[in-house]
Amino acid sequence: MRRLARRWFIVMFCFFAAIALAADEGVKEYEVPNHGSLKLAPPKTWKQAIRPAPPGLPVGPTVEFSDPAGKDFKVLISIVPDFNGNPDFNSPASLKAMVEKLKAHFLPGAKEKDVQIMELKGPHMVGYYFMVTDKAPKPGEYECMTTAALGVGDLLLPVTILHHAPDTPDRQAALTMLKNAEQAAKK
């Protein structure tokens, strides 16, 4: 009985320790005037840079993530709130239409003749994305680009992921981070 109680204690201790560690995975908040904040949990090894919104505009910052050397990948996330109270501002249909337009824009310069638009859905967001490969990248440029339009709360997130190979672990980590994005209410 004593051994069972000790095992139970160890299991419960590990369970609660895991919850505590998960809660401290480095969730970062990016303030958006009059719209609360965007919460993202990037991998701890990623470098972050924030470009503030231009003065006088009620938008949030553009957040850039990259590997420590800044050569393997870049993730650019712009945070755009709904200015006009439009209920379709970041609806799934609007997001898909945006991504369709982006696809038409980028396909002429891509190796692919056509690409599939994929849905990205998480607990607090929905969006669409696709990936293209540059036909003629210059030396040092990224060969691949994943582009997305995401809706998180009342925010629109235009996203660009630049990477060197079609499906890298960093690209997958970026998609996972985006899938778990959420909007915190204004304080």
Protein backbone atom coordinates (compact mmCIF):
# COMPACT_ATOMS: atom_id res chain seq x y z
CA MET A 1 0.00 0.00 0.00
CA ARG A 2 2.80 2.36 0.89
CA ARG A 3 4.51 1.69 -2.47
CA LEU A 4 1.24 2.45 -4.30
CA ALA A 5 0.84 5.72 -2.38
CA ARG A 6 4.44 6.70 -3.22
CA ARG A 7 3.89 5.93 -6.92
CA TRP A 8 0.66 7.92 -6.89
CA PHE A 9 2.49 10.85 -5.31
CA ILE A 10 5.27 10.67 -7.94
CA VAL A 11 2.75 10.49 -10.80
CA MET A 12 0.77 13.44 -9.44
CA PHE A 13 3.94 15.46 -8.78
CA CYS A 14 5.10 14.88 -12.38
CA PHE A 15 1.64 15.75 -13.70
CA PHE A 16 1.48 19.07 -11.86
CA ALA A 17 5.11 19.87 -12.69
CA ALA A 18 4.34 19.33 -16.37
CA ILE A 19 1.33 21.66 -16.12
CA ALA A 20 3.47 24.32 -14.43
CA LEU A 21 6.15 24.03 -17.11
CA ALA A 22 3.58 24.15 -19.90
CA ALA A 23 2.09 27.30 -18.41
CA ASP A 24 5.54 28.91 -18.54
CA GLU A 25 6.42 28.05 -22.13
CA GLY A 26 7.18 31.65 -22.92
CA VAL A 27 3.80 32.99 -23.98
CA LYS A 28 4.34 36.50 -25.28
CA GLU A 29 1.70 39.21 -25.60
CA TYR A 30 1.68 41.89 -28.26
CA GLU A 31 -0.52 44.88 -27.46
CA VAL A 32 -3.01 46.11 -30.06
CA PRO A 33 -4.60 49.52 -29.30
CA ASN A 34 -8.27 49.13 -28.30
CA HIS A 35 -8.17 45.38 -29.08
CA GLY A 36 -6.33 43.78 -26.18
CA SER A 37 -3.34 41.74 -27.24
CA LEU A 38 -2.26 38.81 -29.35
CA LYS A 39 -0.78 35.90 -27.41
CA LEU A 40 1.82 33.68 -29.09
CA ALA A 41 4.12 30.99 -27.70
CA PRO A 42 7.23 30.89 -29.91
CA PRO A 43 9.97 28.33 -29.27
CA LYS A 44 12.42 29.70 -26.71
CA THR A 45 15.37 29.45 -29.10
CA TRP A 46 13.80 31.84 -31.62
CA LYS A 47 14.99 35.41 -31.85
CA GLN A 48 12.32 38.11 -31.86
CA ALA A 49 12.16 41.60 -33.31
CA ILE A 50 9.18 43.92 -33.11
CA ARG A 51 8.42 46.66 -35.59
CA PRO A 52 5.98 49.08 -33.96
CA ALA A 53 2.97 50.30 -35.87
CA PRO A 54 3.39 53.64 -37.62
CA PRO A 55 2.44 56.54 -35.32
CA GLY A 56 -1.22 57.47 -35.35
CA LEU A 57 -2.48 54.16 -36.75
CA PRO A 58 -4.61 51.98 -34.47
CA VAL A 59 -2.84 48.76 -35.47
CA GLY A 60 -0.56 46.43 -33.61
CA PRO A 61 3.08 45.74 -34.31
CA THR A 62 4.64 43.46 -36.88
CA VAL A 63 6.45 40.65 -35.10
CA GLU A 64 9.42 38.89 -36.67
CA PHE A 65 10.82 35.60 -35.45
CA SER A 66 13.97 33.93 -36.76
CA ASP A 67 16.66 31.46 -35.83
CA PRO A 68 19.47 32.96 -33.73
CA ALA A 69 21.68 33.53 -36.80
CA GLY A 70 18.76 34.86 -38.87
CA LYS A 71 19.60 32.67 -41.86
CA ASP A 72 17.46 29.50 -41.63
CA PHE A 73 13.97 31.01 -41.52
CA LYS A 74 11.91 34.11 -40.79
CA VAL A 75 8.33 34.41 -39.62
CA LEU A 76 6.65 37.79 -40.16
CA ILE A 77 3.30 38.37 -38.45
CA SER A 78 1.40 41.63 -38.89
CA ILE A 79 -1.41 42.32 -36.44
CA VAL A 80 -4.37 44.13 -37.97
CA PRO A 81 -7.54 44.89 -35.96
CA ASP A 82 -10.97 45.45 -37.45
CA PHE A 83 -11.25 49.22 -37.88
CA ASN A 84 -14.91 49.38 -38.92
CA GLY A 85 -16.73 46.71 -36.91
CA ASN A 86 -17.20 44.61 -40.06
CA PRO A 87 -18.44 41.15 -39.00
CA ASP A 88 -16.83 39.59 -42.10
CA PHE A 89 -13.47 41.29 -41.54
CA ASN A 90 -11.69 38.05 -40.68
CA SER A 91 -14.39 35.49 -41.40
CA PRO A 92 -13.27 32.15 -42.86
CA ALA A 93 -14.71 33.13 -46.26
CA SER A 94 -12.83 36.46 -46.27
CA LEU A 95 -9.60 34.80 -45.17
CA LYS A 96 -9.85 32.16 -47.87
CA ALA A 97 -10.55 34.84 -50.51
CA MET A 98 -7.44 36.76 -49.36
CA VAL A 99 -5.29 33.65 -49.63
CA GLU A 100 -6.73 32.85 -53.09
CA LYS A 101 -5.64 36.34 -54.26
CA LEU A 102 -2.18 35.88 -52.75
CA LYS A 103 -1.88 32.50 -54.44
CA ALA A 104 -2.73 34.03 -57.83
CA HIS A 105 -0.14 36.75 -57.20
CA PHE A 106 2.72 34.42 -56.24
CA LEU A 107 2.19 31.44 -58.57
CA PRO A 108 3.74 33.08 -61.67
CA GLY A 109 7.12 33.28 -59.88
CA ALA A 110 6.85 29.80 -58.36
CA LYS A 111 8.16 26.42 -59.51
CA GLU A 112 4.71 24.96 -58.80
CA LYS A 113 1.98 25.23 -61.43
CA ASP A 114 -0.66 25.09 -58.70
CA VAL A 115 -0.67 24.74 -54.93
CA GLN A 116 -3.27 23.54 -52.49
CA ILE A 117 -4.68 25.97 -49.95
CA MET A 118 -4.69 24.37 -46.52
CA GLU A 119 -6.85 25.22 -43.52
CA LEU A 120 -5.18 25.97 -40.19
CA LYS A 121 -7.55 25.72 -37.26
CA GLY A 122 -6.88 26.01 -33.56
CA PRO A 123 -8.86 26.53 -30.38
CA HIS A 124 -9.02 30.34 -30.87
CA MET A 125 -8.20 30.88 -34.53
CA VAL A 126 -8.91 29.83 -38.09
CA GLY A 127 -7.07 30.58 -41.28
CA TYR A 128 -5.67 29.40 -44.59
CA TYR A 129 -2.17 29.05 -46.00
CA PHE A 130 -0.15 27.73 -48.93
CA MET A 131 3.51 27.23 -49.76
CA VAL A 132 5.41 28.08 -52.96
CA THR A 133 8.99 27.57 -54.12
CA ASP A 134 10.79 30.43 -55.87
CA LYS A 135 11.62 29.66 -59.53
CA ALA A 136 14.84 31.65 -59.46
CA PRO A 137 16.06 32.52 -55.98
CA LYS A 138 19.16 34.67 -55.81
CA PRO A 139 22.11 33.47 -53.72
CA GLY A 140 21.32 33.78 -50.03
CA GLU A 141 17.57 34.21 -50.56
CA TYR A 142 14.94 31.91 -49.13
CA GLU A 143 13.77 29.34 -51.65
CA CYS A 144 10.36 28.69 -50.06
CA MET A 145 7.57 30.87 -48.73
CA THR A 146 4.49 29.93 -46.75
CA THR A 147 1.82 32.62 -46.76
CA ALA A 148 -1.23 32.73 -44.51
CA ALA A 149 -4.21 34.85 -43.52
CA LEU A 150 -5.48 34.06 -40.04
CA GLY A 151 -8.36 35.25 -37.90
CA VAL A 152 -7.78 35.39 -34.15
CA GLY A 153 -10.60 37.01 -32.19
CA ASP A 154 -11.22 40.31 -33.97
CA LEU A 155 -7.68 40.42 -35.39
CA LEU A 156 -6.41 39.61 -38.86
CA LEU A 157 -2.91 38.17 -39.05
CA PRO A 158 -1.21 38.30 -42.45
CA VAL A 159 1.73 35.87 -42.07
CA THR A 160 4.80 35.11 -44.18
CA ILE A 161 7.17 32.27 -43.33
CA LEU A 162 10.41 32.27 -45.32
CA HIS A 163 12.39 29.03 -45.33
CA HIS A 164 14.92 27.05 -47.38
CA ALA A 165 13.18 23.67 -47.78
CA PRO A 166 9.51 22.78 -48.28
CA ASP A 167 8.80 21.28 -44.86
CA THR A 168 11.29 22.21 -42.17
CA PRO A 169 10.90 21.73 -38.41
CA ASP A 170 10.92 25.53 -38.00
CA ARG A 171 8.06 25.91 -40.48
CA GLN A 172 6.10 23.27 -38.57
CA ALA A 173 6.88 25.02 -35.27
CA ALA A 174 5.65 28.31 -36.75
CA LEU A 175 2.38 26.72 -37.89
CA THR A 176 1.92 25.16 -34.44
CA MET A 177 2.58 28.51 -32.75
CA LEU A 178 0.01 30.17 -35.04
CA LYS A 179 -2.51 27.38 -34.48
CA ASN A 180 -2.36 28.14 -30.76
CA ALA A 181 -2.58 31.92 -31.09
CA GLU A 182 -5.26 33.70 -29.13
CA GLN A 183 -6.45 37.18 -28.38
CA ALA A 184 -6.51 38.46 -24.82
CA ALA A 185 -9.24 40.95 -23.94
CA LYS A 186 -8.24 44.57 -23.48
CA LYS A 187 -7.38 45.41 -19.89
